[in-house]
Amino acid sequence: QVRIVESGGDLVQPGGSLTLSCSVPGDIFSRWTMGWYRQAPGQQRDLVARINLYHAPTYEDSVKGRFTISRDNAKNTVLLQMTSVTTADAGIYYCNTWKPTAAFWGQGTQVTVSS
């Protein structure tokens, strides 16, 4: 069973920073564009950022200039650096391939934004 594991979620104040990490099995990591997705309460799960095998990122408009996605080939990890967070950034963050693969959804990691 493929297991993608997200971590790093926490309570952060508005304007603060947080870095999320995603551990991906090597055979998946080496073949796929990877993405971070966010699901806010009562909302659908949407792509926030993705990064291809050539390390070229793409961002959803609301996070451009604030979030940075990167991938570490040596560790098979995908990072999401979040800065200047707002309440709109709160939710459960998931890591998956792009386009997402149903069988690869993990538990996600919770980001709470509150003062």
Protein backbone atom coordinates (compact mmCIF):
# COMPACT_ATOMS: atom_id res chain seq x y z
CA GLN A 1 0.00 0.00 0.00
CA VAL A 2 1.37 3.36 -1.03
CA ARG A 3 1.89 5.58 1.95
CA ILE A 4 2.40 9.31 1.64
CA VAL A 5 2.92 10.94 5.03
CA GLU A 6 2.36 14.61 5.69
CA SER A 7 3.69 16.46 8.75
CA GLY A 8 4.41 19.92 10.11
CA GLY A 9 0.91 21.24 10.62
CA ASP A 10 0.40 23.40 13.66
CA LEU A 11 -1.33 26.39 15.16
CA VAL A 12 0.10 29.57 13.67
CA GLN A 13 -0.78 33.21 14.16
CA PRO A 14 -1.93 35.35 11.25
CA GLY A 15 1.15 36.71 9.56
CA GLY A 16 3.25 33.82 10.79
CA SER A 17 5.16 31.10 8.99
CA LEU A 18 5.05 27.34 8.84
CA THR A 19 6.73 24.59 6.83
CA LEU A 20 4.95 21.40 5.87
CA SER A 21 6.76 18.24 4.86
CA CYS A 22 5.63 15.26 2.83
CA SER A 23 7.42 11.92 2.69
CA VAL A 24 6.81 10.04 -0.56
CA PRO A 25 7.78 6.50 -1.58
CA GLY A 26 10.71 6.67 -3.96
CA ASP A 27 9.07 5.06 -6.97
CA ILE A 28 6.28 7.61 -6.81
CA PHE A 29 8.49 10.60 -6.08
CA SER A 30 10.82 9.91 -8.99
CA ARG A 31 8.04 9.66 -11.57
CA TRP A 32 5.41 12.25 -10.69
CA THR A 33 4.72 15.90 -10.40
CA MET A 34 3.79 16.34 -6.74
CA GLY A 35 1.28 18.71 -5.24
CA TRP A 36 0.02 20.11 -1.97
CA TYR A 37 -3.73 20.30 -1.55
CA ARG A 38 -5.82 22.07 1.07
CA GLN A 39 -9.24 21.21 2.38
CA ALA A 40 -10.96 23.80 4.54
CA PRO A 41 -13.97 22.82 6.66
CA GLY A 42 -16.98 22.27 4.43
CA GLN A 43 -14.94 22.87 1.29
CA GLN A 44 -13.58 20.65 -1.44
CA ARG A 45 -9.96 19.66 -1.58
CA ASP A 46 -8.11 22.04 -3.87
CA LEU A 47 -4.60 22.23 -5.24
CA VAL A 48 -2.44 24.89 -3.59
CA ALA A 49 0.86 24.29 -5.34
CA ARG A 50 2.60 21.67 -7.44
CA ILE A 51 6.16 21.01 -8.54
CA ASN A 52 7.28 18.91 -11.47
CA LEU A 53 10.27 16.63 -11.89
CA TYR A 54 12.34 19.60 -13.10
CA HIS A 55 11.54 21.52 -9.90
CA ALA A 56 9.34 24.01 -11.72
CA PRO A 57 6.57 25.18 -9.37
CA THR A 58 3.03 26.30 -10.05
CA TYR A 59 0.91 28.12 -7.46
CA GLU A 60 -2.73 28.85 -6.91
CA ASP A 61 -3.26 32.61 -7.16
CA SER A 62 -4.02 33.24 -3.49
CA VAL A 63 -0.67 31.84 -2.31
CA LYS A 64 1.63 33.28 -4.96
CA GLY A 65 4.44 35.21 -3.35
CA ARG A 66 3.71 33.70 0.07
CA PHE A 67 4.16 29.94 -0.32
CA THR A 68 7.13 28.09 -1.73
CA ILE A 69 7.01 24.45 -2.80
CA SER A 70 10.20 22.46 -3.19
CA ARG A 71 11.28 18.86 -3.54
CA ASP A 72 14.33 17.14 -2.07
CA ASN A 73 15.44 14.33 -4.37
CA ALA A 74 17.82 12.89 -1.79
CA LYS A 75 15.09 12.53 0.84
CA ASN A 76 12.04 11.93 -1.39
CA THR A 77 10.27 14.78 0.36
CA VAL A 78 8.14 17.68 -0.78
CA LEU A 79 8.12 20.83 1.32
CA LEU A 80 5.64 23.67 1.47
CA GLN A 81 6.98 26.82 3.09
CA MET A 82 4.14 29.07 4.14
CA THR A 83 4.67 32.71 5.05
CA SER A 84 2.34 35.61 5.85
CA VAL A 85 -0.39 33.11 6.55
CA THR A 86 -4.00 34.23 6.78
CA THR A 87 -7.13 32.59 8.12
CA ALA A 88 -7.93 31.60 4.55
CA ASP A 89 -4.91 29.30 4.61
CA ALA A 90 -6.34 27.16 7.41
CA GLY A 91 -7.33 23.59 6.71
CA ILE A 92 -6.01 20.09 6.34
CA TYR A 93 -3.09 19.92 3.91
CA TYR A 94 -2.51 16.83 1.84
CA CYS A 95 0.28 15.77 -0.47
CA ASN A 96 -0.40 13.76 -3.61
CA THR A 97 0.56 13.41 -7.21
CA TRP A 98 -0.68 15.85 -9.85
CA LYS A 99 -3.24 14.92 -11.04
CA PRO A 100 -4.15 13.33 -7.69
CA THR A 101 -4.28 9.56 -7.33
CA ALA A 102 -7.15 8.39 -5.15
CA ALA A 103 -5.18 5.57 -3.58
CA PHE A 104 -2.38 7.89 -2.49
CA TRP A 105 -4.34 10.20 -0.17
CA GLY A 106 -2.81 10.19 3.31
CA GLN A 107 -4.03 11.51 6.64
CA GLY A 108 -3.04 15.08 5.94
CA THR A 109 -1.70 17.60 8.39
CA GLN A 110 -3.80 20.25 10.12
CA VAL A 111 -2.97 23.95 9.82
CA THR A 112 -4.85 26.22 12.19
CA VAL A 113 -4.52 29.98 11.87
CA SER A 114 -5.57 31.93 14.91
CA SER A 115 -4.33 34.66 17.20
